[in-house]
N, C-alpha and C. Protein backbone atom coordinates (compact mmCIF):
# COMPACT_ATOMS: atom_id res chain seq x y z
N MET A 1 -39.60 -43.94 145.75
CA MET A 1 -38.64 -43.35 144.72
C MET A 1 -39.39 -43.19 143.37
N THR A 2 -39.53 -41.85 142.91
CA THR A 2 -40.29 -41.53 141.68
C THR A 2 -39.33 -41.32 140.50
N ARG A 3 -39.60 -41.65 139.68
CA ARG A 3 -38.78 -41.50 138.36
C ARG A 3 -39.44 -40.54 137.29
N ARG A 4 -38.36 -39.84 136.97
CA ARG A 4 -38.89 -38.80 135.89
C ARG A 4 -38.58 -39.26 134.61
N SER A 5 -39.49 -38.88 133.91
CA SER A 5 -39.51 -39.28 132.41
C SER A 5 -38.76 -38.44 131.62
N ARG A 6 -37.93 -39.12 130.64
CA ARG A 6 -37.08 -38.22 129.99
C ARG A 6 -37.76 -37.29 129.04
N SER A 7 -39.04 -37.72 128.52
CA SER A 7 -40.02 -37.04 127.79
C SER A 7 -40.32 -35.84 128.22
N THR A 8 -40.35 -35.58 129.58
CA THR A 8 -40.90 -34.33 130.25
C THR A 8 -39.81 -33.53 130.49
N ILE A 9 -38.67 -33.74 130.18
CA ILE A 9 -37.34 -32.65 130.01
C ILE A 9 -37.71 -32.02 129.00
N PRO A 10 -37.69 -30.70 128.91
CA PRO A 10 -38.00 -29.59 127.73
C PRO A 10 -36.33 -29.59 127.08
N ARG A 11 -36.33 -29.83 125.66
CA ARG A 11 -35.31 -29.73 124.99
C ARG A 11 -35.71 -28.60 123.80
N ASP A 12 -34.32 -28.20 123.61
CA ASP A 12 -34.32 -27.10 122.47
C ASP A 12 -34.45 -27.74 121.17
N SER A 13 -35.51 -27.68 120.50
CA SER A 13 -35.82 -28.10 119.22
C SER A 13 -34.83 -27.82 118.03
N SER A 14 -34.01 -27.07 118.18
CA SER A 14 -33.03 -26.79 116.87
C SER A 14 -31.89 -27.63 117.19
N SER A 15 -31.39 -27.61 118.42
CA SER A 15 -30.14 -28.65 118.66
C SER A 15 -30.61 -30.07 118.62
N ALA A 16 -31.79 -30.52 118.54
CA ALA A 16 -32.14 -32.09 118.33
C ALA A 16 -31.97 -32.39 116.98
N SER A 17 -32.45 -31.32 116.05
CA SER A 17 -32.39 -31.83 114.72
C SER A 17 -31.19 -31.99 113.86
N GLN A 18 -30.27 -31.09 114.32
CA GLN A 18 -28.81 -30.97 113.76
C GLN A 18 -27.65 -30.83 114.96
N PRO A 19 -26.76 -31.80 114.85
CA PRO A 19 -25.71 -31.48 115.57
C PRO A 19 -24.80 -30.07 115.30
N ALA A 20 -24.11 -29.98 116.30
CA ALA A 20 -23.29 -28.56 116.69
C ALA A 20 -22.57 -28.57 115.30
N ASN A 21 -21.58 -29.54 114.94
CA ASN A 21 -20.72 -29.71 113.83
C ASN A 21 -20.90 -30.51 112.96
N PHE A 22 -22.52 -30.20 112.17
CA PHE A 22 -22.73 -30.86 110.80
C PHE A 22 -21.76 -30.40 109.68
N VAL A 23 -21.34 -31.34 108.98
CA VAL A 23 -20.06 -30.99 107.85
C VAL A 23 -21.11 -30.57 106.63
N PHE A 24 -21.98 -31.78 106.25
CA PHE A 24 -22.76 -31.60 105.05
C PHE A 24 -24.09 -30.82 104.97
N THR A 25 -23.74 -29.59 104.89
CA THR A 25 -24.97 -28.54 104.65
C THR A 25 -25.21 -28.58 103.46
N PRO A 26 -26.54 -28.03 102.88
CA PRO A 26 -27.01 -27.93 101.62
C PRO A 26 -25.90 -27.25 100.78
N LEU A 27 -25.24 -26.07 101.08
CA LEU A 27 -24.21 -25.57 100.24
C LEU A 27 -23.00 -26.46 99.97
N VAL A 28 -22.62 -27.10 101.08
CA VAL A 28 -21.55 -28.21 100.76
C VAL A 28 -21.97 -29.33 99.76
N LEU A 29 -23.30 -29.80 100.21
CA LEU A 29 -23.64 -30.77 98.77
C LEU A 29 -23.71 -30.32 97.57
N PHE A 30 -24.23 -29.15 97.53
CA PHE A 30 -24.28 -28.53 96.24
C PHE A 30 -22.98 -28.35 95.49
N ALA A 31 -21.88 -27.93 96.30
CA ALA A 31 -20.67 -27.72 95.67
C ALA A 31 -20.00 -29.09 95.40
N ILE A 32 -20.11 -30.23 95.99
CA ILE A 32 -19.72 -31.34 95.59
C ILE A 32 -20.52 -32.12 94.39
N ALA A 33 -21.84 -31.84 94.40
CA ALA A 33 -22.40 -32.28 92.95
C ALA A 33 -21.86 -31.30 92.07
N ALA A 34 -21.80 -30.31 92.04
CA ALA A 34 -21.15 -29.42 90.99
C ALA A 34 -19.99 -29.96 90.54
N ILE A 35 -19.01 -30.03 91.37
CA ILE A 35 -17.57 -30.46 91.04
C ILE A 35 -17.87 -32.05 90.49
N PHE A 36 -18.52 -32.88 90.98
CA PHE A 36 -18.56 -34.17 90.34
C PHE A 36 -19.05 -33.82 88.88
N ILE A 37 -20.45 -33.32 88.89
CA ILE A 37 -20.94 -33.07 87.37
C ILE A 37 -19.82 -32.45 86.20
N LEU A 38 -19.09 -31.64 86.99
CA LEU A 38 -17.92 -30.88 86.21
C LEU A 38 -16.61 -31.82 85.67
N GLY A 39 -16.41 -32.73 86.86
CA GLY A 39 -15.42 -33.73 86.62
C GLY A 39 -15.74 -34.84 85.46
N VAL A 40 -17.04 -35.33 85.39
CA VAL A 40 -17.56 -36.30 84.48
C VAL A 40 -17.48 -35.64 83.04
N GLY A 41 -18.11 -34.45 83.15
CA GLY A 41 -18.03 -33.48 81.89
C GLY A 41 -16.95 -33.67 81.28
N VAL A 42 -15.81 -33.19 81.88
CA VAL A 42 -14.36 -32.98 81.53
C VAL A 42 -13.91 -34.29 81.16
N GLY A 43 -13.99 -35.17 82.00
CA GLY A 43 -13.53 -36.67 81.59
C GLY A 43 -14.45 -37.14 80.32
N ILE A 44 -15.58 -37.03 80.26
CA ILE A 44 -16.07 -37.59 78.71
C ILE A 44 -15.44 -36.76 77.45
N ALA A 45 -15.30 -35.22 77.76
CA ALA A 45 -14.57 -34.59 76.79
C ALA A 45 -13.19 -35.09 76.39
N PHE A 46 -12.57 -35.44 77.29
CA PHE A 46 -11.19 -35.78 76.92
C PHE A 46 -11.11 -37.25 76.41
N SER A 47 -12.13 -37.99 77.01
CA SER A 47 -11.85 -39.17 76.44
C SER A 47 -12.56 -39.64 75.18
N SER A 48 -13.43 -38.84 74.86
CA SER A 48 -14.27 -39.23 73.57
C SER A 48 -14.39 -38.11 72.57
N THR A 49 -13.17 -37.28 72.48
CA THR A 49 -12.86 -36.34 71.48
C THR A 49 -13.05 -37.01 70.06
N ALA A 50 -13.68 -36.76 69.22
CA ALA A 50 -13.87 -37.26 67.95
C ALA A 50 -13.10 -36.23 66.90
N THR A 51 -11.81 -36.67 66.63
CA THR A 51 -11.48 -35.62 65.50
C THR A 51 -11.61 -36.51 64.18
N PHE A 52 -11.92 -35.84 63.09
CA PHE A 52 -12.16 -36.52 61.68
C PHE A 52 -11.37 -36.49 60.77
N ASN A 53 -9.94 -36.93 61.29
CA ASN A 53 -9.01 -37.29 60.55
C ASN A 53 -8.67 -38.61 60.03
N PRO A 54 -7.83 -39.16 59.11
CA PRO A 54 -7.63 -40.12 58.83
C PRO A 54 -7.21 -41.28 59.82
N GLU A 55 -6.41 -40.52 60.92
CA GLU A 55 -6.03 -41.56 62.07
C GLU A 55 -7.11 -41.81 62.94
N ASN A 56 -8.20 -41.26 62.80
CA ASN A 56 -9.34 -41.54 63.82
C ASN A 56 -10.54 -41.92 63.01
N VAL A 57 -10.78 -43.24 63.04
CA VAL A 57 -12.14 -43.39 62.25
C VAL A 57 -13.08 -43.90 63.45
N ALA A 58 -13.78 -42.58 63.79
CA ALA A 58 -14.88 -42.63 65.01
C ALA A 58 -16.11 -42.68 64.54
N SER A 59 -16.70 -42.59 63.33
CA SER A 59 -17.88 -42.56 63.02
C SER A 59 -18.24 -43.26 61.69
N ARG A 60 -19.47 -43.59 61.19
CA ARG A 60 -19.82 -44.00 60.00
C ARG A 60 -19.49 -43.09 58.86
N GLU A 61 -19.80 -41.76 59.34
CA GLU A 61 -19.78 -40.49 58.49
C GLU A 61 -18.18 -40.53 58.01
N VAL A 62 -17.23 -40.79 58.75
CA VAL A 62 -15.76 -40.84 58.18
C VAL A 62 -15.52 -41.86 57.24
N ILE A 63 -16.24 -42.69 57.42
CA ILE A 63 -16.04 -44.05 56.61
C ILE A 63 -16.92 -43.81 55.33
N ASP A 64 -18.02 -43.09 55.39
CA ASP A 64 -18.75 -43.07 54.03
C ASP A 64 -17.85 -41.71 53.41
N ARG A 65 -17.36 -40.82 54.06
CA ARG A 65 -16.65 -39.90 53.08
C ARG A 65 -15.48 -40.39 52.77
N SER A 66 -14.62 -41.47 52.90
CA SER A 66 -13.82 -42.02 52.60
C SER A 66 -13.58 -43.22 51.50
N ALA A 67 -14.75 -43.46 51.36
CA ALA A 67 -15.39 -44.62 50.34
C ALA A 67 -14.88 -44.11 48.99
N PRO A 68 -14.51 -44.92 48.21
CA PRO A 68 -14.18 -44.73 47.04
C PRO A 68 -15.72 -44.47 45.93
N ASN A 69 -15.57 -43.28 45.31
CA ASN A 69 -16.74 -42.95 44.55
C ASN A 69 -17.97 -42.98 45.67
N THR A 70 -17.69 -41.91 46.51
CA THR A 70 -18.65 -41.74 47.67
C THR A 70 -20.22 -41.53 47.39
N GLU A 71 -20.49 -40.72 46.38
CA GLU A 71 -21.81 -40.65 46.04
C GLU A 71 -22.50 -41.87 45.62
N LEU A 72 -21.92 -42.80 44.87
CA LEU A 72 -22.35 -43.78 44.23
C LEU A 72 -22.03 -44.88 45.11
N CYS A 73 -21.28 -45.06 46.08
CA CYS A 73 -21.33 -45.91 47.00
C CYS A 73 -22.33 -45.69 47.94
N ILE A 74 -22.79 -44.60 48.50
CA ILE A 74 -23.89 -44.38 49.49
C ILE A 74 -25.18 -44.64 48.82
N GLN A 75 -25.42 -44.33 47.57
CA GLN A 75 -26.74 -44.40 47.01
C GLN A 75 -26.99 -45.91 46.63
N TYR A 76 -25.79 -46.49 46.02
CA TYR A 76 -26.11 -48.02 45.82
C TYR A 76 -25.67 -49.05 46.61
N GLY A 77 -24.96 -48.79 47.51
CA GLY A 77 -24.51 -49.60 48.31
C GLY A 77 -24.17 -49.11 49.74
N ALA A 78 -22.96 -49.64 50.20
CA ALA A 78 -22.61 -49.18 51.70
C ALA A 78 -21.14 -49.27 51.79
N SER A 79 -20.49 -48.18 52.49
CA SER A 79 -19.01 -47.83 52.52
C SER A 79 -18.67 -48.98 53.44
N ALA A 80 -17.28 -49.22 53.28
CA ALA A 80 -16.81 -50.23 54.11
C ALA A 80 -15.46 -49.98 54.41
N ILE A 81 -14.90 -50.87 55.48
CA ILE A 81 -13.37 -50.89 55.67
C ILE A 81 -13.02 -52.12 55.16
N THR A 82 -12.18 -52.15 54.29
CA THR A 82 -11.45 -53.41 53.45
C THR A 82 -10.20 -53.78 54.13
N THR A 83 -10.05 -54.86 54.58
CA THR A 83 -8.93 -55.34 55.10
C THR A 83 -8.07 -56.56 54.21
N ASP A 84 -7.05 -56.08 53.70
CA ASP A 84 -6.25 -57.21 52.96
C ASP A 84 -5.01 -57.63 53.78
N LEU A 85 -5.13 -59.11 53.65
CA LEU A 85 -4.02 -59.77 54.56
C LEU A 85 -3.89 -60.95 53.81
N ARG A 86 -2.91 -61.91 54.11
CA ARG A 86 -2.48 -63.28 53.41
C ARG A 86 -2.45 -63.99 54.62
N VAL A 87 -2.57 -65.48 54.61
CA VAL A 87 -2.55 -66.10 55.71
C VAL A 87 -1.88 -67.33 54.98
N PHE A 88 -0.62 -67.89 55.51
CA PHE A 88 0.15 -69.11 55.04
C PHE A 88 0.09 -70.24 56.41
N VAL A 89 -0.20 -71.36 55.71
CA VAL A 89 -0.38 -72.65 56.69
C VAL A 89 0.53 -73.40 56.16
N THR A 90 1.21 -73.88 57.04
CA THR A 90 2.40 -74.96 56.68
C THR A 90 1.75 -76.26 57.64
N LEU A 91 1.89 -77.23 56.84
CA LEU A 91 1.52 -78.62 57.49
C LEU A 91 2.31 -79.67 58.31
N ASN A 92 3.71 -79.41 58.03
CA ASN A 92 4.58 -79.79 58.56
C ASN A 92 5.70 -79.26 59.27
N PRO A 93 5.83 -78.77 60.28
CA PRO A 93 4.92 -78.53 61.40
C PRO A 93 3.81 -77.86 61.16
N PHE A 94 2.58 -77.96 61.90
CA PHE A 94 1.49 -77.14 61.50
C PHE A 94 1.75 -75.70 62.25
N ASN A 95 1.52 -74.99 61.56
CA ASN A 95 1.61 -73.34 61.83
C ASN A 95 1.01 -72.47 60.95
N VAL A 96 0.29 -71.54 61.25
CA VAL A 96 -0.28 -70.44 60.69
C VAL A 96 0.47 -69.04 61.03
N PHE A 97 0.64 -68.37 59.63
CA PHE A 97 1.25 -67.31 59.55
C PHE A 97 0.26 -66.05 58.90
N VAL A 98 0.31 -65.08 59.36
CA VAL A 98 -0.79 -64.06 58.76
C VAL A 98 0.36 -62.88 58.67
N THR A 99 0.13 -62.16 57.29
CA THR A 99 0.86 -61.01 57.24
C THR A 99 0.08 -59.91 57.94
N GLN A 100 0.81 -58.84 57.90
CA GLN A 100 0.27 -57.51 58.42
C GLN A 100 -0.74 -56.97 57.56
N PRO A 101 -1.99 -56.75 58.08
CA PRO A 101 -3.03 -56.25 57.25
C PRO A 101 -2.95 -54.81 56.87
N THR A 102 -3.39 -54.58 55.77
CA THR A 102 -3.81 -53.15 55.39
C THR A 102 -5.04 -52.82 55.34
N MET A 103 -5.46 -51.58 55.72
CA MET A 103 -6.77 -51.19 55.70
C MET A 103 -7.04 -50.06 54.49
N ARG A 104 -7.88 -50.19 53.75
CA ARG A 104 -8.33 -49.15 52.88
C ARG A 104 -9.84 -48.87 52.70
N PRO A 105 -10.39 -48.00 52.45
CA PRO A 105 -11.63 -47.66 52.07
C PRO A 105 -12.21 -48.24 51.13
N GLY A 106 -13.43 -48.74 51.09
CA GLY A 106 -13.90 -49.63 50.17
C GLY A 106 -15.58 -49.60 50.21
N CYS A 107 -16.05 -50.63 49.21
CA CYS A 107 -17.58 -50.25 48.76
C CYS A 107 -18.10 -51.58 48.47
N VAL A 108 -19.27 -51.67 49.14
CA VAL A 108 -20.32 -53.14 48.68
C VAL A 108 -21.39 -52.75 48.17
N LEU A 109 -21.55 -53.18 46.85
CA LEU A 109 -22.52 -52.90 46.26
C LEU A 109 -24.17 -53.92 46.50
N ARG A 110 -25.02 -53.31 46.38
CA ARG A 110 -26.22 -54.40 46.64
C ARG A 110 -26.57 -55.12 45.14
N GLN A 111 -26.82 -56.07 45.19
CA GLN A 111 -27.10 -56.98 43.91
C GLN A 111 -27.97 -56.10 42.93
N ASN A 112 -28.94 -55.45 43.06
CA ASN A 112 -29.66 -54.97 42.33
C ASN A 112 -29.06 -53.87 41.60
N ASN A 113 -27.63 -53.31 41.93
CA ASN A 113 -26.99 -52.16 41.53
C ASN A 113 -25.87 -52.50 40.65
N TRP A 114 -25.83 -53.87 40.26
CA TRP A 114 -24.49 -54.33 39.51
C TRP A 114 -24.67 -53.85 38.18
N SER A 115 -25.45 -53.37 37.55
CA SER A 115 -25.67 -52.92 36.12
C SER A 115 -24.48 -51.69 36.21
N ILE A 116 -24.45 -50.97 36.98
CA ILE A 116 -23.55 -49.73 37.13
C ILE A 116 -22.17 -50.23 36.78
N LEU A 117 -21.61 -51.54 37.19
CA LEU A 117 -20.32 -52.19 36.90
C LEU A 117 -20.54 -52.67 35.42
N GLU A 118 -21.57 -53.00 35.11
CA GLU A 118 -21.49 -53.58 33.78
C GLU A 118 -21.74 -52.49 32.86
N GLN A 119 -22.21 -51.33 32.88
CA GLN A 119 -22.29 -50.10 32.20
C GLN A 119 -20.89 -49.52 31.97
N LYS A 120 -20.26 -49.49 32.92
CA LYS A 120 -18.96 -49.15 32.91
C LYS A 120 -18.07 -50.08 32.27
N LYS A 121 -18.20 -51.20 32.08
CA LYS A 121 -17.61 -52.35 31.55
C LYS A 121 -16.32 -52.56 32.50
N LEU A 122 -16.76 -52.63 33.61
CA LEU A 122 -15.79 -53.08 34.82
C LEU A 122 -15.82 -54.51 35.20
N VAL A 123 -17.03 -55.13 34.88
CA VAL A 123 -17.05 -56.31 34.90
C VAL A 123 -17.85 -57.13 33.75
N THR A 124 -17.45 -58.39 33.57
CA THR A 124 -18.27 -58.92 32.41
C THR A 124 -19.38 -59.51 32.86
N SER A 125 -20.16 -60.18 31.65
CA SER A 125 -21.47 -60.86 31.95
C SER A 125 -21.32 -62.04 32.54
N ASP A 126 -19.94 -62.73 32.26
CA ASP A 126 -19.78 -64.10 32.85
C ASP A 126 -19.39 -63.88 34.07
N GLN A 127 -18.68 -62.69 34.65
CA GLN A 127 -18.34 -62.76 35.99
C GLN A 127 -19.68 -62.09 36.91
N VAL A 128 -20.82 -61.45 36.31
CA VAL A 128 -22.22 -61.37 37.06
C VAL A 128 -22.63 -62.56 36.97
N ARG A 129 -22.57 -63.39 36.24
CA ARG A 129 -23.46 -64.70 36.11
C ARG A 129 -22.83 -65.58 37.22
N GLU A 130 -21.30 -65.67 37.43
CA GLU A 130 -20.82 -66.48 38.38
C GLU A 130 -21.14 -65.83 39.76
N CYS A 131 -21.04 -64.79 39.83
CA CYS A 131 -21.30 -64.31 41.41
C CYS A 131 -22.60 -64.21 41.63
N LYS A 132 -23.55 -64.29 40.79
CA LYS A 132 -24.81 -64.28 40.99
C LYS A 132 -25.03 -65.56 41.56
N GLN A 133 -24.94 -66.73 40.70
CA GLN A 133 -24.90 -68.18 41.10
C GLN A 133 -24.53 -68.58 42.60
N ARG A 134 -23.37 -67.94 42.90
CA ARG A 134 -23.22 -68.19 44.41
C ARG A 134 -23.99 -66.99 45.57
N MET A 135 -24.73 -66.32 45.10
CA MET A 135 -25.40 -65.64 45.95
C MET A 135 -24.66 -64.53 46.44
N ASN A 136 -23.63 -64.07 45.92
CA ASN A 136 -22.75 -63.01 46.23
C ASN A 136 -23.03 -61.79 46.01
N THR A 137 -22.19 -60.73 45.98
CA THR A 137 -22.20 -59.37 45.63
C THR A 137 -20.83 -58.99 45.33
N PHE A 138 -20.76 -57.76 44.68
CA PHE A 138 -19.65 -56.98 44.40
C PHE A 138 -19.13 -56.13 45.35
N GLY A 139 -17.63 -56.11 45.65
CA GLY A 139 -17.42 -55.06 46.48
C GLY A 139 -16.14 -54.53 45.60
N PHE A 140 -15.36 -53.13 45.88
CA PHE A 140 -14.61 -52.72 45.33
C PHE A 140 -13.66 -51.46 46.27
N THR A 141 -12.58 -51.55 45.81
CA THR A 141 -11.86 -50.49 46.24
C THR A 141 -11.04 -49.75 45.47
N GLY A 142 -10.69 -48.52 45.81
CA GLY A 142 -10.19 -47.62 44.42
C GLY A 142 -11.44 -47.07 43.58
N ASP A 143 -10.76 -46.03 42.92
CA ASP A 143 -11.79 -45.17 41.95
C ASP A 143 -12.30 -46.04 40.96
N LEU A 144 -13.58 -46.20 40.71
CA LEU A 144 -14.25 -46.99 39.61
C LEU A 144 -13.76 -46.32 38.18
N ASN A 145 -13.41 -45.23 37.97
CA ASN A 145 -13.24 -44.18 37.00
C ASN A 145 -11.47 -44.54 36.72
N ASN A 146 -10.64 -45.14 37.93
CA ASN A 146 -9.25 -45.24 37.50
C ASN A 146 -8.66 -46.46 38.21
N LYS A 147 -9.05 -47.52 37.51
CA LYS A 147 -8.47 -48.85 37.98
C LYS A 147 -8.86 -49.39 39.29
N ALA A 148 -10.24 -49.64 39.45
CA ALA A 148 -10.68 -50.16 40.79
C ALA A 148 -10.26 -51.52 40.75
N ASP A 149 -10.11 -51.70 42.30
CA ASP A 149 -10.23 -53.38 42.32
C ASP A 149 -11.43 -54.04 42.76
N ILE A 150 -11.97 -54.52 41.97
CA ILE A 150 -13.55 -55.19 42.05
C ILE A 150 -13.48 -56.80 42.21
N GLU A 151 -14.05 -57.20 43.45
CA GLU A 151 -14.14 -58.54 43.87
C GLU A 151 -15.47 -58.98 43.83
N CYS A 152 -15.76 -60.18 43.76
CA CYS A 152 -17.08 -60.91 44.17
C CYS A 152 -17.01 -61.14 45.62
N ILE A 153 -17.50 -60.85 46.29
CA ILE A 153 -17.70 -61.01 47.74
C ILE A 153 -18.73 -61.77 48.36
N TYR A 154 -18.66 -62.41 49.37
CA TYR A 154 -19.81 -63.35 50.17
C TYR A 154 -19.75 -62.65 51.43
N GLN A 155 -21.28 -62.54 51.58
CA GLN A 155 -21.75 -61.83 52.89
C GLN A 155 -21.71 -63.07 53.94
N ASN A 156 -20.86 -63.08 54.93
CA ASN A 156 -20.73 -64.02 56.02
C ASN A 156 -21.58 -63.55 57.29
N GLU A 157 -22.66 -64.44 57.48
CA GLU A 157 -23.41 -63.96 58.44
C GLU A 157 -23.21 -65.28 59.54
N ALA A 158 -21.98 -66.02 59.44
CA ALA A 158 -22.02 -67.12 60.38
C ALA A 158 -21.59 -66.57 61.87
N ALA A 159 -20.99 -65.30 62.22
CA ALA A 159 -20.65 -64.95 63.52
C ALA A 159 -21.64 -64.04 63.93
N GLY A 160 -22.41 -63.23 63.16
CA GLY A 160 -23.56 -62.39 63.37
C GLY A 160 -22.81 -61.12 63.77
N ASN A 161 -23.84 -60.12 64.06
CA ASN A 161 -23.06 -58.80 64.79
C ASN A 161 -23.38 -59.07 66.18
N LEU A 162 -22.17 -58.87 66.74
CA LEU A 162 -22.70 -59.00 68.28
C LEU A 162 -22.81 -57.75 69.03
N PHE A 163 -22.69 -56.69 68.24
CA PHE A 163 -23.16 -55.38 68.79
C PHE A 163 -24.57 -55.28 68.82
N LEU A 164 -25.72 -56.02 67.79
CA LEU A 164 -26.84 -56.09 67.58
C LEU A 164 -27.57 -57.00 68.55
N ASN A 165 -26.67 -57.95 69.00
CA ASN A 165 -27.28 -59.20 69.92
C ASN A 165 -27.16 -58.83 71.24
N GLN A 166 -27.38 -57.52 71.76
CA GLN A 166 -27.52 -57.23 73.43
C GLN A 166 -28.42 -57.65 73.99
N ALA A 167 -28.34 -58.05 75.15
CA ALA A 167 -29.41 -58.69 76.10
C ALA A 167 -30.40 -57.51 76.22
N GLY A 168 -31.61 -57.88 75.99
CA GLY A 168 -32.68 -57.18 75.88
C GLY A 168 -33.35 -56.44 74.68
N SER A 169 -32.31 -56.72 73.56
CA SER A 169 -32.55 -56.16 72.22
C SER A 169 -33.68 -57.31 71.49
N VAL A 170 -34.82 -56.60 71.00
CA VAL A 170 -35.88 -57.45 70.14
C VAL A 170 -35.88 -56.53 68.96
N GLY A 171 -36.40 -57.44 68.00
CA GLY A 171 -36.90 -56.88 66.77
C GLY A 171 -36.07 -57.56 65.66
N PRO A 172 -36.86 -57.44 64.43
CA PRO A 172 -36.01 -58.39 63.26
C PRO A 172 -35.03 -57.18 62.84
N LYS A 173 -34.11 -57.93 61.94
CA LYS A 173 -32.88 -57.55 61.26
C LYS A 173 -33.35 -56.14 60.36
N PRO A 174 -32.56 -55.32 60.41
CA PRO A 174 -33.11 -54.34 59.33
C PRO A 174 -33.27 -54.84 57.89
N GLU A 175 -33.60 -54.94 57.04
CA GLU A 175 -33.61 -55.39 55.55
C GLU A 175 -32.61 -54.47 54.74
N THR A 176 -32.05 -53.51 55.28
CA THR A 176 -30.92 -52.75 54.37
C THR A 176 -29.67 -53.53 54.80
N ASN A 177 -29.77 -54.46 55.68
CA ASN A 177 -28.48 -55.24 55.95
C ASN A 177 -28.35 -56.47 54.54
N ASN A 178 -29.09 -56.60 53.76
CA ASN A 178 -29.43 -57.65 52.92
C ASN A 178 -28.82 -57.06 51.50
N PHE A 179 -27.79 -57.53 51.23
CA PHE A 179 -26.93 -57.25 49.90
C PHE A 179 -27.35 -58.18 48.85
């Protein structure tokens, strides 16, 4: 009994490489890829549309433009979002109550620029000395030319900036963070 080898049987080479009902032709794959890319693009456009109005603070530029005394603030400090709220603590029974916060544009001045406030007679030399002793700086809300609310503020680095401490990030802190 002789066996015939299957390799000796001639086959049509075109039918061996592609089945007769192959669905994913290069044209179909291209169309699927194009639809996917278009869908991702449309999704990104709808989800991250940045409108520059007061209801949507989407970037540092919006905060900079909203800061009181914008040019002075950007040149001698940093624009900020100021949150005003009050906390009430009762001891018997122990409870903590917080008021609804109000958000206002503000500005934090670098320590070497306090003379601007002194020249405009917005802070006294006693206030400057007191604030300097505690290694603080001044921040304000409102227009400096029209009844600004100026406070000696403390830079709290206890929590750190969790946006900067991402896994894999290296390098020293920028010196511009020092006020």
